């Protein structure tokens, strides 16, 4: 059986040891490398971690009301 493992993850939106914005109202782009345990050749996945408060705020200021593409989003109540 192949067991996947996270080999690395990166967010260009977050500073190492930097301050985090409001954990209930934010969005961050991530890239994660996942591959078979003890083997080379991971697959890379890109997604955005986003909170409901961010979505509500963004849709209220959007030029197209209530418009948002959701593919590639991981929606969390709170980012920590």
PDB file of N, CA and C in Angstrom:
ATOM      1  N   UNK A   1       0.840  -1.178   0.000  1.00  0.00           N
ATOM      2  CA  UNK A   1       0.000   0.000   0.000  1.00  0.00           C
ATOM      3  C   UNK A   1       0.888   1.245   0.000  1.00  0.00           C
ATOM      4  N   UNK A   2       0.556   2.188  -0.852  1.00  0.00           N
ATOM      5  CA  UNK A   2       1.301   3.440  -0.927  1.00  0.00           C
ATOM      6  C   UNK A   2       0.780   4.386   0.146  1.00  0.00           C
ATOM      7  N   UNK A   3       1.706   4.915   0.949  1.00  0.00           N
ATOM      8  CA  UNK A   3       1.340   5.853   1.999  1.00  0.00           C
ATOM      9  C   UNK A   3       1.853   7.236   1.621  1.00  0.00           C
ATOM     10  N   UNK A   4       0.942   8.179   1.413  1.00  0.00           N
ATOM     11  CA  UNK A   4       1.378   9.528   1.038  1.00  0.00           C
ATOM     12  C   UNK A   4       1.912  10.301   2.243  1.00  0.00           C
ATOM     13  N   UNK A   5       2.805  11.250   1.953  1.00  0.00           N
ATOM     14  CA  UNK A   5       3.279  12.136   2.998  1.00  0.00           C
ATOM     15  C   UNK A   5       3.458  13.536   2.420  1.00  0.00           C
ATOM     16  N   UNK A   6       3.297  14.526   3.265  1.00  0.00           N
ATOM     17  CA  UNK A   6       3.547  15.901   2.853  1.00  0.00           C
ATOM     18  C   UNK A   6       5.052  16.117   2.912  1.00  0.00           C
ATOM     19  N   UNK A   7       5.638  16.425   1.757  1.00  0.00           N
ATOM     20  CA  UNK A   7       7.081  16.641   1.696  1.00  0.00           C
ATOM     21  C   UNK A   7       7.439  18.092   1.972  1.00  0.00           C
ATOM     22  N   UNK A   8       6.582  19.011   1.549  1.00  0.00           N
ATOM     23  CA  UNK A   8       6.838  20.423   1.824  1.00  0.00           C
ATOM     24  C   UNK A   8       5.556  21.208   1.609  1.00  0.00           C
ATOM     25  N   UNK A   9       5.504  22.387   2.202  1.00  0.00           N
ATOM     26  CA  UNK A   9       4.420  23.316   1.920  1.00  0.00           C
ATOM     27  C   UNK A   9       4.979  24.728   1.997  1.00  0.00           C
ATOM     28  N   UNK A  10       4.375  25.602   1.221  1.00  0.00           N
ATOM     29  CA  UNK A  10       4.886  26.957   1.076  1.00  0.00           C
ATOM     30  C   UNK A  10       3.722  27.902   0.869  1.00  0.00           C
ATOM     31  N   UNK A  11       3.818  29.078   1.474  1.00  0.00           N
ATOM     32  CA  UNK A  11       2.860  30.147   1.209  1.00  0.00           C
ATOM     33  C   UNK A  11       3.640  31.426   0.992  1.00  0.00           C
ATOM     34  N   UNK A  12       3.527  31.985  -0.188  1.00  0.00           N
ATOM     35  CA  UNK A  12       4.200  33.255  -0.467  1.00  0.00           C
ATOM     36  C   UNK A  12       3.476  34.414   0.210  1.00  0.00           C
ATOM     37  N   UNK A  13       2.278  34.164   0.729  1.00  0.00           N
ATOM     38  CA  UNK A  13       1.500  35.200   1.401  1.00  0.00           C
ATOM     39  C   UNK A  13       1.844  35.354   2.876  1.00  0.00           C
ATOM     40  N   UNK A  14       2.574  34.396   3.442  1.00  0.00           N
ATOM     41  CA  UNK A  14       2.902  34.432   4.867  1.00  0.00           C
ATOM     42  C   UNK A  14       4.399  34.633   5.061  1.00  0.00           C
ATOM     43  N   UNK A  15       4.760  35.504   5.997  1.00  0.00           N
ATOM     44  CA  UNK A  15       6.161  35.707   6.339  1.00  0.00           C
ATOM     45  C   UNK A  15       6.543  34.739   7.460  1.00  0.00           C
ATOM     46  N   UNK A  16       7.737  34.151   7.355  1.00  0.00           N
ATOM     47  CA  UNK A  16       8.229  33.257   8.403  1.00  0.00           C
ATOM     48  C   UNK A  16       8.346  34.037   9.703  1.00  0.00           C
ATOM     49  N   UNK A  17       7.696  33.567  10.749  1.00  0.00           N
ATOM     50  CA  UNK A  17       7.672  34.208  12.064  1.00  0.00           C
ATOM     51  C   UNK A  17       7.074  35.611  12.028  1.00  0.00           C
ATOM     52  N   UNK A  18       6.367  35.941  10.972  1.00  0.00           N
ATOM     53  CA  UNK A  18       5.733  37.253  10.868  1.00  0.00           C
ATOM     54  C   UNK A  18       4.369  37.245  11.514  1.00  0.00           C
ATOM     55  N   UNK A  19       3.794  38.417  11.682  1.00  0.00           N
ATOM     56  CA  UNK A  19       2.462  38.498  12.290  1.00  0.00           C
ATOM     57  C   UNK A  19       1.388  37.988  11.334  1.00  0.00           C
ATOM     58  N   UNK A  20       0.373  37.390  11.911  1.00  0.00           N
ATOM     59  CA  UNK A  20      -0.765  36.921  11.122  1.00  0.00           C
ATOM     60  C   UNK A  20      -1.881  37.945  11.216  1.00  0.00           C
ATOM     61  N   UNK A  21      -2.598  38.152  10.118  1.00  0.00           N
ATOM     62  CA  UNK A  21      -3.785  39.002  10.207  1.00  0.00           C
ATOM     63  C   UNK A  21      -4.891  38.290  10.976  1.00  0.00           C
ATOM     64  N   UNK A  22      -6.055  38.860  10.985  1.00  0.00           N
ATOM     65  CA  UNK A  22      -7.201  38.293  11.693  1.00  0.00           C
ATOM     66  C   UNK A  22      -7.420  36.842  11.250  1.00  0.00           C
ATOM     67  N   UNK A  23      -7.297  35.859  12.159  1.00  0.00           N
ATOM     68  CA  UNK A  23      -7.430  34.452  11.769  1.00  0.00           C
ATOM     69  C   UNK A  23      -8.834  34.051  11.320  1.00  0.00           C
ATOM     70  N   UNK A  24      -9.826  34.911  11.560  1.00  0.00           N
ATOM     71  CA  UNK A  24     -11.193  34.617  11.122  1.00  0.00           C
ATOM     72  C   UNK A  24     -11.587  35.389   9.863  1.00  0.00           C
ATOM     73  N   UNK A  25     -10.671  36.226   9.351  1.00  0.00           N
ATOM     74  CA  UNK A  25     -10.957  37.038   8.158  1.00  0.00           C
ATOM     75  C   UNK A  25      -9.682  37.141   7.315  1.00  0.00           C
ATOM     76  N   UNK A  26      -9.364  36.066   6.574  1.00  0.00           N
ATOM     77  CA  UNK A  26      -8.116  36.055   5.819  1.00  0.00           C
ATOM     78  C   UNK A  26      -8.182  35.056   4.654  1.00  0.00           C
ATOM     79  N   UNK A  27      -7.184  35.172   3.784  1.00  0.00           N
ATOM     80  CA  UNK A  27      -7.023  34.244   2.662  1.00  0.00           C
ATOM     81  C   UNK A  27      -5.539  34.159   2.335  1.00  0.00           C
ATOM     82  N   UNK A  28      -5.033  32.932   2.153  1.00  0.00           N
ATOM     83  CA  UNK A  28      -3.619  32.715   1.859  1.00  0.00           C
ATOM     84  C   UNK A  28      -3.481  31.657   0.779  1.00  0.00           C
ATOM     85  N   UNK A  29      -2.606  31.902  -0.178  1.00  0.00           N
ATOM     86  CA  UNK A  29      -2.298  30.905  -1.206  1.00  0.00           C
ATOM     87  C   UNK A  29      -1.248  29.940  -0.657  1.00  0.00           C
ATOM     88  N   UNK A  30      -1.426  28.647  -0.936  1.00  0.00           N
ATOM     89  CA  UNK A  30      -0.491  27.614  -0.496  1.00  0.00           C
ATOM     90  C   UNK A  30      -0.113  26.707  -1.655  1.00  0.00           C
ATOM     91  N   UNK A  31       1.071  26.127  -1.563  1.00  0.00           N
ATOM     92  CA  UNK A  31       1.486  25.048  -2.460  1.00  0.00           C
ATOM     93  C   UNK A  31       2.018  23.923  -1.574  1.00  0.00           C
ATOM     94  N   UNK A  32       1.526  22.719  -1.798  1.00  0.00           N
ATOM     95  CA  UNK A  32       1.917  21.560  -1.004  1.00  0.00           C
ATOM     96  C   UNK A  32       2.453  20.476  -1.932  1.00  0.00           C
ATOM     97  N   UNK A  33       3.589  19.883  -1.547  1.00  0.00           N
ATOM     98  CA  UNK A  33       4.160  18.756  -2.285  1.00  0.00           C
ATOM     99  C   UNK A  33       3.825  17.481  -1.524  1.00  0.00           C
ATOM    100  N   UNK A  34       3.108  16.566  -2.184  1.00  0.00           N
ATOM    101  CA  UNK A  34       2.691  15.305  -1.568  1.00  0.00           C
ATOM    102  C   UNK A  34       3.171  14.163  -2.450  1.00  0.00           C
ATOM    103  N   UNK A  35       3.816  13.175  -1.814  1.00  0.00           N
ATOM    104  CA  UNK A  35       4.311  12.045  -2.580  1.00  0.00           C
ATOM    105  C   UNK A  35       4.324  10.774  -1.750  1.00  0.00           C
ATOM    106  N   UNK A  36       4.624   9.646  -2.396  1.00  0.00           N
ATOM    107  CA  UNK A  36       4.707   8.380  -1.667  1.00  0.00           C
ATOM    108  C   UNK A  36       5.822   8.431  -0.623  1.00  0.00           C
ATOM    109  N   UNK A  37       5.545   7.902   0.545  1.00  0.00           N
ATOM    110  CA  UNK A  37       6.525   7.888   1.625  1.00  0.00           C
ATOM    111  C   UNK A  37       7.772   7.136   1.178  1.00  0.00           C
ATOM    112  N   UNK A  38       8.927   7.682   1.457  1.00  0.00           N
ATOM    113  CA  UNK A  38      10.242   7.084   1.161  1.00  0.00           C
ATOM    114  C   UNK A  38      10.533   7.004  -0.336  1.00  0.00           C
ATOM    115  N   UNK A  39       9.855   7.797  -1.155  1.00  0.00           N
ATOM    116  CA  UNK A  39      10.124   7.836  -2.587  1.00  0.00           C
ATOM    117  C   UNK A  39      10.240   9.284  -3.050  1.00  0.00           C
ATOM    118  N   UNK A  40      10.924   9.478  -4.180  1.00  0.00           N
ATOM    119  CA  UNK A  40      11.034  10.815  -4.759  1.00  0.00           C
ATOM    120  C   UNK A  40       9.911  11.037  -5.761  1.00  0.00           C
ATOM    121  N   UNK A  41       9.727  12.291  -6.136  1.00  0.00           N
ATOM    122  CA  UNK A  41       8.753  12.597  -7.168  1.00  0.00           C
ATOM    123  C   UNK A  41       7.393  12.980  -6.645  1.00  0.00           C
ATOM    124  N   UNK A  42       7.307  14.053  -5.837  1.00  0.00           N
ATOM    125  CA  UNK A  42       5.997  14.459  -5.320  1.00  0.00           C
ATOM    126  C   UNK A  42       5.137  15.130  -6.384  1.00  0.00           C
ATOM    127  N   UNK A  43       3.857  15.179  -6.116  1.00  0.00           N
ATOM    128  CA  UNK A  43       2.906  15.953  -6.905  1.00  0.00           C
ATOM    129  C   UNK A  43       2.699  17.272  -6.163  1.00  0.00           C
ATOM    130  N   UNK A  44       2.511  18.350  -6.914  1.00  0.00           N
ATOM    131  CA  UNK A  44       2.326  19.668  -6.310  1.00  0.00           C
ATOM    132  C   UNK A  44       0.874  20.099  -6.444  1.00  0.00           C
ATOM    133  N   UNK A  45       0.325  20.613  -5.350  1.00  0.00           N
ATOM    134  CA  UNK A  45      -1.062  21.052  -5.297  1.00  0.00           C
ATOM    135  C   UNK A  45      -1.101  22.503  -4.820  1.00  0.00           C
ATOM    136  N   UNK A  46      -1.851  23.332  -5.535  1.00  0.00           N
ATOM    137  CA  UNK A  46      -2.022  24.728  -5.151  1.00  0.00           C
ATOM    138  C   UNK A  46      -3.474  24.958  -4.748  1.00  0.00           C
ATOM    139  N   UNK A  47      -3.642  25.697  -3.676  1.00  0.00           N
ATOM    140  CA  UNK A  47      -4.989  26.028  -3.207  1.00  0.00           C
ATOM    141  C   UNK A  47      -4.925  27.276  -2.343  1.00  0.00           C
ATOM    142  N   UNK A  48      -6.090  27.825  -2.050  1.00  0.00           N
ATOM    143  CA  UNK A  48      -6.196  28.991  -1.187  1.00  0.00           C
ATOM    144  C   UNK A  48      -6.953  28.606   0.072  1.00  0.00           C
ATOM    145  N   UNK A  49      -6.352  28.894   1.216  1.00  0.00           N
ATOM    146  CA  UNK A  49      -7.043  28.746   2.500  1.00  0.00           C
ATOM    147  C   UNK A  49      -7.788  30.049   2.717  1.00  0.00           C
ATOM    148  N   UNK A  50      -9.083  29.948   2.952  1.00  0.00           N
ATOM    149  CA  UNK A  50      -9.925  31.142   3.009  1.00  0.00           C
ATOM    150  C   UNK A  50     -10.989  30.968   4.091  1.00  0.00           C
ATOM    151  N   UNK A  51     -11.375  32.076   4.720  1.00  0.00           N
ATOM    152  CA  UNK A  51     -12.388  32.013   5.776  1.00  0.00           C
ATOM    153  C   UNK A  51     -13.727  32.576   5.267  1.00  0.00           C
ATOM    154  N   UNK A  52     -14.833  32.147   5.870  1.00  0.00           N
ATOM    155  CA  UNK A  52     -16.151  32.675   5.467  1.00  0.00           C
ATOM    156  C   UNK A  52     -16.251  34.196   5.612  1.00  0.00           C
ATOM    157  N   UNK A  53     -15.672  34.757   6.681  1.00  0.00           N
ATOM    158  CA  UNK A  53     -15.734  36.212   6.854  1.00  0.00           C
ATOM    159  C   UNK A  53     -15.029  36.929   5.704  1.00  0.00           C
ATOM    160  N   UNK A  54     -13.928  36.385   5.236  1.00  0.00           N
ATOM    161  CA  UNK A  54     -13.230  36.970   4.098  1.00  0.00           C
ATOM    162  C   UNK A  54     -14.118  36.930   2.851  1.00  0.00           C
ATOM    163  N   UNK A  55     -14.765  35.787   2.627  1.00  0.00           N
ATOM    164  CA  UNK A  55     -15.648  35.663   1.470  1.00  0.00           C
ATOM    165  C   UNK A  55     -16.793  36.673   1.522  1.00  0.00           C
ATOM    166  N   UNK A  56     -17.388  36.838   2.689  1.00  0.00           N
ATOM    167  CA  UNK A  56     -18.486  37.793   2.841  1.00  0.00           C
ATOM    168  C   UNK A  56     -17.994  39.220   2.591  1.00  0.00           C
ATOM    169  N   UNK A  57     -16.851  39.562   3.178  1.00  0.00           N
ATOM    170  CA  UNK A  57     -16.306  40.910   3.002  1.00  0.00           C
ATOM    171  C   UNK A  57     -15.951  41.172   1.545  1.00  0.00           C
ATOM    172  N   UNK A  58     -15.305  40.208   0.904  1.00  0.00           N
ATOM    173  CA  UNK A  58     -14.914  40.374  -0.489  1.00  0.00           C
ATOM    174  C   UNK A  58     -16.122  40.470  -1.415  1.00  0.00           C
ATOM    175  N   UNK A  59     -17.161  39.686  -1.156  1.00  0.00           N
ATOM    176  CA  UNK A  59     -18.331  39.743  -2.034  1.00  0.00           C
ATOM    177  C   UNK A  59     -19.081  41.057  -1.869  1.00  0.00           C
ATOM    178  N   UNK A  60     -19.004  41.670  -0.679  1.00  0.00           N
ATOM    179  CA  UNK A  60     -19.701  42.946  -0.472  1.00  0.00           C
ATOM    180  C   UNK A  60     -18.957  44.106  -1.129  1.00  0.00           C
ATOM    181  N   UNK A  61     -17.660  43.945  -1.400  1.00  0.00           N
ATOM    182  CA  UNK A  61     -16.891  45.013  -2.048  1.00  0.00           C
ATOM    183  C   UNK A  61     -16.606  44.706  -3.514  1.00  0.00           C
ATOM    184  N   UNK A  62     -17.065  43.565  -3.985  1.00  0.00           N
ATOM    185  CA  UNK A  62     -16.817  43.157  -5.366  1.00  0.00           C
ATOM    186  C   UNK A  62     -17.657  43.981  -6.331  1.00  0.00           C
ATOM    187  N   UNK A  63     -17.120  44.199  -7.528  1.00  0.00           N
ATOM    188  CA  UNK A  63     -17.864  44.909  -8.561  1.00  0.00           C
ATOM    189  C   UNK A  63     -19.032  44.064  -9.056  1.00  0.00           C
ATOM    190  N   UNK A  64     -18.876  42.742  -8.986  1.00  0.00           N
ATOM    191  CA  UNK A  64     -19.955  41.829  -9.351  1.00  0.00           C
ATOM    192  C   UNK A  64     -20.434  41.204  -8.046  1.00  0.00           C
ATOM    193  N   UNK A  65     -21.592  41.631  -7.580  1.00  0.00           N
ATOM    194  CA  UNK A  65     -22.064  41.208  -6.271  1.00  0.00           C
ATOM    195  C   UNK A  65     -22.239  39.694  -6.182  1.00  0.00           C
ATOM    196  N   UNK A  66     -21.813  39.124  -5.052  1.00  0.00           N
ATOM    197  CA  UNK A  66     -21.917  37.690  -4.745  1.00  0.00           C
ATOM    198  C   UNK A  66     -21.179  36.797  -5.738  1.00  0.00           C
ATOM    199  N   UNK A  67     -20.129  37.297  -6.384  1.00  0.00           N
ATOM    200  CA  UNK A  67     -19.371  36.486  -7.338  1.00  0.00           C
ATOM    201  C   UNK A  67     -18.053  36.044  -6.717  1.00  0.00           C
ATOM    202  N   UNK A  68     -17.742  34.758  -6.855  1.00  0.00           N
ATOM    203  CA  UNK A  68     -16.484  34.208  -6.352  1.00  0.00           C
ATOM    204  C   UNK A  68     -16.298  32.827  -6.941  1.00  0.00           C
ATOM    205  N   UNK A  69     -15.105  32.564  -7.483  1.00  0.00           N
ATOM    206  CA  UNK A  69     -14.767  31.212  -7.929  1.00  0.00           C
ATOM    207  C   UNK A  69     -14.314  30.428  -6.706  1.00  0.00           C
ATOM    208  N   UNK A  70     -14.805  29.214  -6.521  1.00  0.00           N
ATOM    209  CA  UNK A  70     -14.483  28.449  -5.323  1.00  0.00           C
ATOM    210  C   UNK A  70     -13.566  27.263  -5.571  1.00  0.00           C
ATOM    211  N   UNK A  71     -13.275  26.931  -6.795  1.00  0.00           N
ATOM    212  CA  UNK A  71     -12.408  25.784  -7.044  1.00  0.00           C
ATOM    213  C   UNK A  71     -11.011  26.083  -6.497  1.00  0.00           C
ATOM    214  N   UNK A  72     -10.438  25.113  -5.837  1.00  0.00           N
ATOM    215  CA  UNK A  72      -9.089  25.285  -5.302  1.00  0.00           C
ATOM    216  C   UNK A  72      -9.052  26.013  -3.978  1.00  0.00           C
ATOM    217  N   UNK A  73     -10.184  26.054  -3.265  1.00  0.00           N
ATOM    218  CA  UNK A  73     -10.238  26.729  -1.968  1.00  0.00           C
ATOM    219  C   UNK A  73     -10.482  25.723  -0.849  1.00  0.00           C
ATOM    220  N   UNK A  74      -9.764  25.918   0.236  1.00  0.00           N
ATOM    221  CA  UNK A  74     -10.016  25.182   1.472  1.00  0.00           C
ATOM    222  C   UNK A  74     -10.624  26.201   2.431  1.00  0.00           C
ATOM    223  N   UNK A  75     -11.903  26.037   2.747  1.00  0.00           N
ATOM    224  CA  UNK A  75     -12.610  27.014   3.571  1.00  0.00           C
ATOM    225  C   UNK A  75     -12.556  26.557   5.023  1.00  0.00           C
ATOM    226  N   UNK A  76     -11.977  27.428   5.876  1.00  0.00           N
ATOM    227  CA  UNK A  76     -11.855  27.164   7.297  1.00  0.00           C
ATOM    228  C   UNK A  76     -12.526  28.283   8.090  1.00  0.00           C
ATOM    229  N   UNK A  77     -13.169  27.946   9.206  1.00  0.00           N
ATOM    230  CA  UNK A  77     -13.761  28.986  10.050  1.00  0.00           C
ATOM    231  C   UNK A  77     -12.690  29.905  10.625  1.00  0.00           C
ATOM    232  N   UNK A  78     -11.520  29.318  10.914  1.00  0.00           N
ATOM    233  CA  UNK A  78     -10.427  30.075  11.565  1.00  0.00           C
ATOM    234  C   UNK A  78      -9.099  29.503  11.094  1.00  0.00           C
ATOM    235  N   UNK A  79      -8.170  30.378  10.715  1.00  0.00           N
ATOM    236  CA  UNK A  79      -6.839  29.946  10.289  1.00  0.00           C
ATOM    237  C   UNK A  79      -5.898  30.012  11.495  1.00  0.00           C
ATOM    238  N   UNK A  80      -5.222  28.902  11.779  1.00  0.00           N
ATOM    239  CA  UNK A  80      -4.253  28.905  12.877  1.00  0.00           C
ATOM    240  C   UNK A  80      -3.116  27.967  12.580  1.00  0.00           C
TER     241      UNK A  80
END
